[in-house]
Each structure stands twice: as structure tokens, then as C-alpha cells.
Amino acid sequence: MSTRKTQTAKAAQTSQGNVPGGAMVYCGPSIRGVAKQYAVFSGEIPAALENKCREIPMLRGLIVPLARFAAVRNALEIKGTAEQIMFAEINKQL
């Protein structure tokens, strides 16, 4: 597996399961009727976003704990980071 794909897979795995109990931020592209970029929520992932995650599992990699928001937002601006790659791939699928 290439380094980029490995980084993307690790980022997606890291964010999974972090939702219960804390504030989370959706850092993916805005999806009409589903979620706006940088939407904050606590508890469970909203139903519309959860359904979209089933269609595009990579979305989970851009749902991060509030404590990681600044780092992820910065990583979205740097070409070649796992977050930037996921964002670009998600945009292609929308």
C-alpha cells in the first residue's frame, strides 16, 4: 500500500469510534441536506451524515474530536496530507 493510502486509512481509523461523549467537528466538504463543513455536534453523528458515511466511508476520517480540529483544518491546506487527500477524494465522489 502506498504511503498516501496508508496515511488516509490510518486517519479514517483514528476518527472512528470517537463520537460518544465529546464534541466532534465534520471537516469534510459541505453536503447539501447532510452537513456543512466545520459543523460541530456532540453525542452521536447526525442521521443524515451517518447515512452518507455508509455510502462514502472515507467521510469518517474527517469527523474529528474538537481537540483535533485546528490540526486537521491546517492539514486540509497542505497538499499530500491524509486529510487533504481524503477531502479531494470525497469531493470526487459527491
Protein backbone atom coordinates (compact mmCIF):
# COMPACT_ATOMS: atom_id res chain seq x y z
CA MET A 1 0.00 0.00 0.00
CA SER A 2 1.34 3.44 -0.85
CA THR A 3 2.26 5.90 1.88
CA ARG A 4 -0.62 8.22 1.00
CA LYS A 5 -3.18 5.41 1.11
CA THR A 6 -1.72 4.20 4.41
CA GLN A 7 -1.97 7.70 5.90
CA THR A 8 -5.54 8.03 4.64
CA ALA A 9 -6.52 4.67 6.11
CA LYS A 10 -4.90 5.49 9.46
CA ALA A 11 -6.64 8.86 9.66
CA ALA A 12 -10.00 7.24 8.93
CA GLN A 13 -9.44 4.55 11.56
CA THR A 14 -8.30 7.07 14.16
CA SER A 15 -11.50 9.08 13.97
CA GLN A 16 -13.86 6.10 14.09
CA GLY A 17 -15.37 5.41 17.46
CA ASN A 18 -14.54 8.85 18.90
CA VAL A 19 -18.07 10.22 18.80
CA PRO A 20 -19.64 9.21 22.15
CA GLY A 21 -19.39 11.83 24.85
CA GLY A 22 -17.43 14.64 23.23
CA ALA A 23 -17.84 17.42 20.74
CA MET A 24 -16.95 16.45 17.18
CA VAL A 25 -16.34 18.52 14.05
CA TYR A 26 -17.15 17.48 10.49
CA CYS A 27 -14.21 18.75 8.40
CA GLY A 28 -15.29 17.34 5.04
CA PRO A 29 -16.85 19.29 2.19
CA SER A 30 -20.33 20.72 2.72
CA ILE A 31 -23.01 18.31 1.54
CA ARG A 32 -26.41 19.89 0.93
CA GLY A 33 -29.03 18.41 3.26
CA VAL A 34 -26.41 16.40 5.15
CA ALA A 35 -23.76 18.58 6.84
CA LYS A 36 -21.90 21.81 6.39
CA GLN A 37 -18.14 21.89 6.57
CA TYR A 38 -16.96 22.52 10.15
CA ALA A 39 -20.35 21.62 11.68
CA VAL A 40 -19.94 20.82 15.37
CA PHE A 41 -22.05 18.22 17.16
CA SER A 42 -21.92 16.19 20.34
CA GLY A 43 -23.14 12.73 21.09
CA GLU A 44 -23.95 10.68 18.03
CA ILE A 45 -23.29 11.53 14.41
CA PRO A 46 -26.47 13.09 12.91
CA ALA A 47 -28.53 10.51 11.00
CA ALA A 48 -28.11 12.17 7.58
CA LEU A 49 -24.31 12.27 7.99
CA GLU A 50 -24.24 8.68 9.28
CA ASN A 51 -26.15 7.54 6.19
CA LYS A 52 -23.73 9.39 3.92
CA CYS A 53 -20.80 7.77 5.79
CA ARG A 54 -22.21 4.38 4.80
CA GLU A 55 -22.10 5.49 1.15
CA ILE A 56 -18.68 7.15 1.44
CA PRO A 57 -16.80 5.56 4.39
CA MET A 58 -13.90 7.99 3.95
CA LEU A 59 -16.11 10.73 5.43
CA ARG A 60 -15.49 9.24 8.88
CA GLY A 61 -11.85 10.25 8.58
CA LEU A 62 -12.92 13.89 8.55
CA ILE A 63 -15.15 13.69 11.62
CA VAL A 64 -12.72 14.57 14.39
CA PRO A 65 -12.76 15.43 18.09
CA LEU A 66 -12.91 19.15 18.74
CA ALA A 67 -9.42 18.95 20.26
CA ARG A 68 -8.02 17.91 16.85
CA PHE A 69 -9.95 20.48 14.82
CA ALA A 70 -7.16 23.06 14.42
CA ALA A 71 -4.62 20.46 13.33
CA VAL A 72 -7.00 18.86 10.84
CA ARG A 73 -8.07 22.24 9.44
CA ASN A 74 -4.41 23.12 8.86
CA ALA A 75 -3.72 19.71 7.30
CA LEU A 76 -6.55 20.29 4.80
CA GLU A 77 -4.49 23.15 3.37
CA ILE A 78 -1.30 21.09 2.89
CA LYS A 79 -1.08 19.08 -0.31
CA GLY A 80 -0.35 15.42 0.27
CA THR A 81 -1.60 15.11 3.84
CA ALA A 82 -4.03 12.31 4.60
CA GLU A 83 -6.75 14.85 5.35
CA GLN A 84 -6.24 16.75 2.11
CA ILE A 85 -6.25 13.53 0.10
CA MET A 86 -9.46 12.34 1.77
CA PHE A 87 -11.12 15.71 1.17
CA ALA A 88 -10.20 15.60 -2.53
CA GLU A 89 -11.40 12.00 -2.94
CA ILE A 90 -14.68 12.76 -1.19
CA ASN A 91 -15.25 15.76 -3.46
CA LYS A 92 -14.80 13.48 -6.47
CA GLN A 93 -17.47 11.12 -5.13
CA LEU A 94 -20.05 13.82 -4.42
